């Protein structure tokens, strides 16, 4: 029993110390019985934050790109903004479009 408590603590420490982008990858590799309820909730929350940032970045990039270069700019801006949003660029640093 103490072995599983130690595994919970170790997994919790690892999950909570990682950036949002890495938590899902690590949680997929850990057996489900070693994930605590708190770790599962943290992974779901992190996934939600990453998806929100990615979609917001794509929308902002598409808006800016369409202003600069029309439809092609919207596509290019959306892709670049989505990638940047995934990695957290533009999160609190700056806003591309209001």
C-alpha atoms as a PDB file:
ATOM      1  CA  UNK A   1       0.000   0.000   0.000  1.00  0.00           C
ATOM      2  CA  UNK A   2       2.774   2.462   0.835  1.00  0.00           C
ATOM      3  CA  UNK A   3       4.360   1.725  -2.545  1.00  0.00           C
ATOM      4  CA  UNK A   4       1.266   2.994  -4.363  1.00  0.00           C
ATOM      5  CA  UNK A   5       1.133   6.102  -2.142  1.00  0.00           C
ATOM      6  CA  UNK A   6       4.743   6.804  -3.057  1.00  0.00           C
ATOM      7  CA  UNK A   7       3.910   6.354  -6.738  1.00  0.00           C
ATOM      8  CA  UNK A   8       0.998   8.798  -6.382  1.00  0.00           C
ATOM      9  CA  UNK A   9       3.261  11.366  -4.735  1.00  0.00           C
ATOM     10  CA  UNK A  10       5.980  10.940  -7.356  1.00  0.00           C
ATOM     11  CA  UNK A  11       3.545  11.208 -10.259  1.00  0.00           C
ATOM     12  CA  UNK A  12       1.870  14.238  -8.647  1.00  0.00           C
ATOM     13  CA  UNK A  13       5.243  15.956  -8.254  1.00  0.00           C
ATOM     14  CA  UNK A  14       6.127  15.291 -11.878  1.00  0.00           C
ATOM     15  CA  UNK A  15       2.733  16.319 -13.291  1.00  0.00           C
ATOM     16  CA  UNK A  16       2.455  19.524 -11.274  1.00  0.00           C
ATOM     17  CA  UNK A  17       6.033  20.618 -12.081  1.00  0.00           C
ATOM     18  CA  UNK A  18       5.675  20.368 -15.871  1.00  0.00           C
ATOM     19  CA  UNK A  19       4.486  23.081 -18.258  1.00  0.00           C
ATOM     20  CA  UNK A  20       0.973  22.657 -19.674  1.00  0.00           C
ATOM     21  CA  UNK A  21       2.239  21.426 -23.057  1.00  0.00           C
ATOM     22  CA  UNK A  22       4.023  18.416 -21.510  1.00  0.00           C
ATOM     23  CA  UNK A  23       1.497  17.232 -18.917  1.00  0.00           C
ATOM     24  CA  UNK A  24      -0.727  15.294 -21.331  1.00  0.00           C
ATOM     25  CA  UNK A  25       2.248  13.497 -22.910  1.00  0.00           C
ATOM     26  CA  UNK A  26       3.564  12.409 -19.529  1.00  0.00           C
ATOM     27  CA  UNK A  27       0.136  11.383 -18.227  1.00  0.00           C
ATOM     28  CA  UNK A  28      -0.402   9.137 -21.272  1.00  0.00           C
ATOM     29  CA  UNK A  29       2.732   7.172 -20.367  1.00  0.00           C
ATOM     30  CA  UNK A  30       1.790   6.620 -16.704  1.00  0.00           C
ATOM     31  CA  UNK A  31      -0.468   3.668 -15.847  1.00  0.00           C
ATOM     32  CA  UNK A  32      -3.960   4.869 -14.906  1.00  0.00           C
ATOM     33  CA  UNK A  33      -3.782   3.281 -11.464  1.00  0.00           C
ATOM     34  CA  UNK A  34      -0.817   5.549 -10.609  1.00  0.00           C
ATOM     35  CA  UNK A  35      -2.665   8.779 -11.444  1.00  0.00           C
ATOM     36  CA  UNK A  36      -4.396  10.456  -8.538  1.00  0.00           C
ATOM     37  CA  UNK A  37      -7.660  12.342  -8.935  1.00  0.00           C
ATOM     38  CA  UNK A  38      -5.761  15.612  -8.521  1.00  0.00           C
ATOM     39  CA  UNK A  39      -3.299  14.695 -11.284  1.00  0.00           C
ATOM     40  CA  UNK A  40      -6.125  13.757 -13.653  1.00  0.00           C
ATOM     41  CA  UNK A  41      -7.879  17.060 -12.950  1.00  0.00           C
ATOM     42  CA  UNK A  42      -4.640  19.011 -13.495  1.00  0.00           C
ATOM     43  CA  UNK A  43      -4.019  17.279 -16.838  1.00  0.00           C
ATOM     44  CA  UNK A  44      -7.571  18.038 -18.011  1.00  0.00           C
ATOM     45  CA  UNK A  45      -7.219  21.657 -16.932  1.00  0.00           C
ATOM     46  CA  UNK A  46      -3.860  21.979 -18.708  1.00  0.00           C
ATOM     47  CA  UNK A  47      -5.268  20.459 -21.881  1.00  0.00           C
ATOM     48  CA  UNK A  48      -8.112  22.960 -21.781  1.00  0.00           C
ATOM     49  CA  UNK A  49      -5.667  25.868 -21.380  1.00  0.00           C
ATOM     50  CA  UNK A  50      -3.507  24.664 -24.277  1.00  0.00           C
ATOM     51  CA  UNK A  51      -6.513  24.252 -26.586  1.00  0.00           C
ATOM     52  CA  UNK A  52      -7.837  27.688 -25.640  1.00  0.00           C
ATOM     53  CA  UNK A  53      -4.466  29.325 -26.286  1.00  0.00           C
ATOM     54  CA  UNK A  54      -4.098  27.519 -29.617  1.00  0.00           C
ATOM     55  CA  UNK A  55      -7.547  28.504 -30.870  1.00  0.00           C
ATOM     56  CA  UNK A  56      -7.200  32.078 -29.647  1.00  0.00           C
ATOM     57  CA  UNK A  57      -3.796  32.378 -31.291  1.00  0.00           C
ATOM     58  CA  UNK A  58      -5.170  31.006 -34.553  1.00  0.00           C
ATOM     59  CA  UNK A  59      -8.116  33.419 -34.503  1.00  0.00           C
ATOM     60  CA  UNK A  60      -5.899  36.409 -33.709  1.00  0.00           C
ATOM     61  CA  UNK A  61      -3.376  35.386 -36.367  1.00  0.00           C
ATOM     62  CA  UNK A  62      -6.099  34.931 -38.970  1.00  0.00           C
ATOM     63  CA  UNK A  63      -7.603  38.329 -38.127  1.00  0.00           C
ATOM     64  CA  UNK A  64      -4.259  40.088 -38.403  1.00  0.00           C
ATOM     65  CA  UNK A  65      -3.278  38.152 -41.526  1.00  0.00           C
ATOM     66  CA  UNK A  66      -6.531  38.996 -43.289  1.00  0.00           C
ATOM     67  CA  UNK A  67      -6.000  42.697 -42.574  1.00  0.00           C
ATOM     68  CA  UNK A  68      -2.499  42.544 -44.036  1.00  0.00           C
ATOM     69  CA  UNK A  69      -2.840  40.147 -46.975  1.00  0.00           C
ATOM     70  CA  UNK A  70      -6.471  39.090 -47.444  1.00  0.00           C
ATOM     71  CA  UNK A  71      -7.514  35.434 -47.586  1.00  0.00           C
ATOM     72  CA  UNK A  72      -4.017  34.020 -48.016  1.00  0.00           C
ATOM     73  CA  UNK A  73      -2.805  36.127 -45.107  1.00  0.00           C
ATOM     74  CA  UNK A  74      -5.660  34.823 -42.981  1.00  0.00           C
ATOM     75  CA  UNK A  75      -4.607  31.218 -43.618  1.00  0.00           C
ATOM     76  CA  UNK A  76      -0.921  31.885 -42.987  1.00  0.00           C
ATOM     77  CA  UNK A  77      -1.678  34.038 -39.938  1.00  0.00           C
ATOM     78  CA  UNK A  78      -4.031  31.399 -38.551  1.00  0.00           C
ATOM     79  CA  UNK A  79      -1.411  28.673 -38.809  1.00  0.00           C
ATOM     80  CA  UNK A  80       1.347  30.807 -37.319  1.00  0.00           C
ATOM     81  CA  UNK A  81      -0.955  32.131 -34.597  1.00  0.00           C
ATOM     82  CA  UNK A  82      -2.125  28.621 -33.711  1.00  0.00           C
ATOM     83  CA  UNK A  83       1.424  27.347 -33.354  1.00  0.00           C
ATOM     84  CA  UNK A  84       2.417  30.392 -31.340  1.00  0.00           C
ATOM     85  CA  UNK A  85      -0.671  30.056 -29.166  1.00  0.00           C
ATOM     86  CA  UNK A  86       0.085  26.402 -28.495  1.00  0.00           C
ATOM     87  CA  UNK A  87       3.506  27.330 -27.132  1.00  0.00           C
ATOM     88  CA  UNK A  88       2.096  30.232 -25.129  1.00  0.00           C
ATOM     89  CA  UNK A  89       3.262  33.188 -27.224  1.00  0.00           C
ATOM     90  CA  UNK A  90       0.847  36.051 -26.983  1.00  0.00           C
ATOM     91  CA  UNK A  91      -0.707  34.646 -23.845  1.00  0.00           C
ATOM     92  CA  UNK A  92       0.049  37.598 -21.588  1.00  0.00           C
ATOM     93  CA  UNK A  93       2.890  39.107 -23.591  1.00  0.00           C
ATOM     94  CA  UNK A  94       0.907  40.976 -26.229  1.00  0.00           C
ATOM     95  CA  UNK A  95      -2.351  40.905 -28.155  1.00  0.00           C
ATOM     96  CA  UNK A  96      -2.297  40.609 -31.923  1.00  0.00           C
ATOM     97  CA  UNK A  97      -5.760  42.012 -32.562  1.00  0.00           C
ATOM     98  CA  UNK A  98      -8.477  43.543 -30.433  1.00  0.00           C
END
